[in-house]
Protein backbone atom coordinates (compact mmCIF):
# COMPACT_ATOMS: atom_id res chain seq x y z
CA MET A 1 0.00 0.00 0.00
CA ALA A 2 1.27 3.43 -0.87
CA GLU A 3 1.87 5.97 1.84
CA LEU A 4 -1.41 7.27 3.22
CA GLN A 5 -1.86 10.97 2.66
CA ALA A 6 -4.05 13.28 4.72
CA ASN A 7 -6.20 14.92 2.09
CA GLN A 8 -8.75 16.56 4.36
CA PHE A 9 -8.53 18.05 7.84
CA THR A 10 -11.66 19.42 9.48
CA TYR A 11 -12.50 21.02 12.80
CA ASN A 12 -15.96 19.83 13.83
CA PHE A 13 -17.85 21.92 16.34
CA ASP A 14 -21.34 22.32 17.76
CA THR A 15 -22.91 25.23 15.89
CA SER A 16 -25.19 26.15 18.79
CA THR A 17 -22.45 26.36 21.44
CA GLY A 18 -19.30 26.84 19.36
CA LYS A 19 -17.67 24.01 21.35
CA PHE A 20 -15.12 21.85 19.50
CA LEU A 21 -16.34 18.27 19.09
CA ASN A 22 -13.39 16.65 17.30
CA PHE A 23 -10.95 16.83 14.45
CA GLN A 24 -11.76 14.75 11.39
CA VAL A 25 -8.90 13.56 9.21
CA THR A 26 -9.37 11.86 5.85
CA LEU A 27 -6.50 9.50 5.01
CA ALA A 28 -6.23 8.08 1.50
CA GLY A 29 -3.82 5.87 -0.40
CA ASN A 30 -3.84 4.56 -3.95
CA PRO A 31 -0.92 2.31 -4.93
CA SER A 32 -0.22 1.38 -8.53
CA ASP A 33 -1.85 -2.08 -8.14
CA GLY A 34 -5.33 -0.48 -8.24
CA GLU A 35 -6.33 -0.98 -4.62
CA TYR A 36 -7.57 2.06 -2.75
CA LEU A 37 -8.04 3.07 0.87
CA ASN A 38 -10.02 6.10 1.99
CA ASN A 39 -10.92 6.56 5.66
CA GLN A 40 -12.23 9.30 7.89
CA ILE A 41 -10.88 9.20 11.41
CA ARG A 42 -12.13 11.38 14.24
CA VAL A 43 -9.68 12.50 16.89
CA HIS A 44 -11.19 13.61 20.19
CA GLU A 45 -9.58 15.85 22.80
CA ASN A 46 -8.98 12.96 25.23
CA GLU A 47 -6.85 11.26 22.52
CA LEU A 48 -4.47 14.20 22.08
CA GLY A 49 -2.21 13.31 24.99
CA GLU A 50 -1.59 14.67 28.45
CA GLY A 51 -1.65 18.44 28.66
CA LYS A 52 -2.92 18.77 25.07
CA ASN A 53 -6.19 20.27 23.94
CA TYR A 54 -7.82 21.35 20.70
CA THR A 55 -6.06 24.72 20.71
CA ASN A 56 -2.48 23.66 21.41
CA VAL A 57 -1.83 20.80 18.99
CA THR A 58 -0.54 20.96 15.45
CA MET A 59 -2.20 19.47 12.42
CA ASN A 60 0.77 17.08 12.13
CA ASP A 61 0.14 15.86 15.70
CA VAL A 62 -3.51 15.15 14.90
CA VAL A 63 -2.71 13.42 11.60
CA GLU A 64 -0.21 11.15 13.37
CA ILE A 65 -2.85 10.20 15.96
CA ALA A 66 -5.32 9.49 13.13
CA ARG A 67 -2.76 7.25 11.38
CA LYS A 68 -2.23 5.26 14.59
CA LYS A 69 -5.99 4.90 15.13
CA LEU A 70 -6.45 3.64 11.57
CA ALA A 71 -3.59 1.14 11.98
CA ASP A 72 -5.23 -0.17 15.17
CA TYR A 73 -8.63 -0.45 13.45
CA VAL A 74 -7.31 -2.49 10.54
CA ALA A 75 -4.74 -4.59 12.41
CA VAL A 76 -5.38 -8.29 12.01
CA LYS A 77 -6.30 -9.73 15.38
CA ASP A 78 -5.45 -13.29 16.37
CA THR A 79 -8.93 -14.80 16.10
CA ALA A 80 -7.90 -18.06 17.81
CA THR A 81 -6.87 -16.15 20.94
CA THR A 82 -9.99 -13.98 20.78
CA GLN A 83 -12.24 -17.01 20.42
CA ALA A 84 -10.51 -18.84 23.28
CA ASN A 85 -10.92 -15.81 25.55
CA ASN A 86 -14.62 -15.60 24.73
CA GLN A 87 -15.32 -19.22 25.73
């Protein structure tokens, strides 16, 4: 898979209160083999790290968090271990 690029970065907020709700990052990749990945990941304030909030992080910080969240979402889990733990 080609390197995922952040092609959209949005600040989402409540229009009635003006309060930030989350950042939304769109990550996309399109390698030469024709496969394609396009995901929207939301990053909430509690995911920014200790001492961080919506107003004191950089876009690069948020994109890196989004990349890590996506990697965790798509990581192949050991289904045998999961099934054994559920029994």
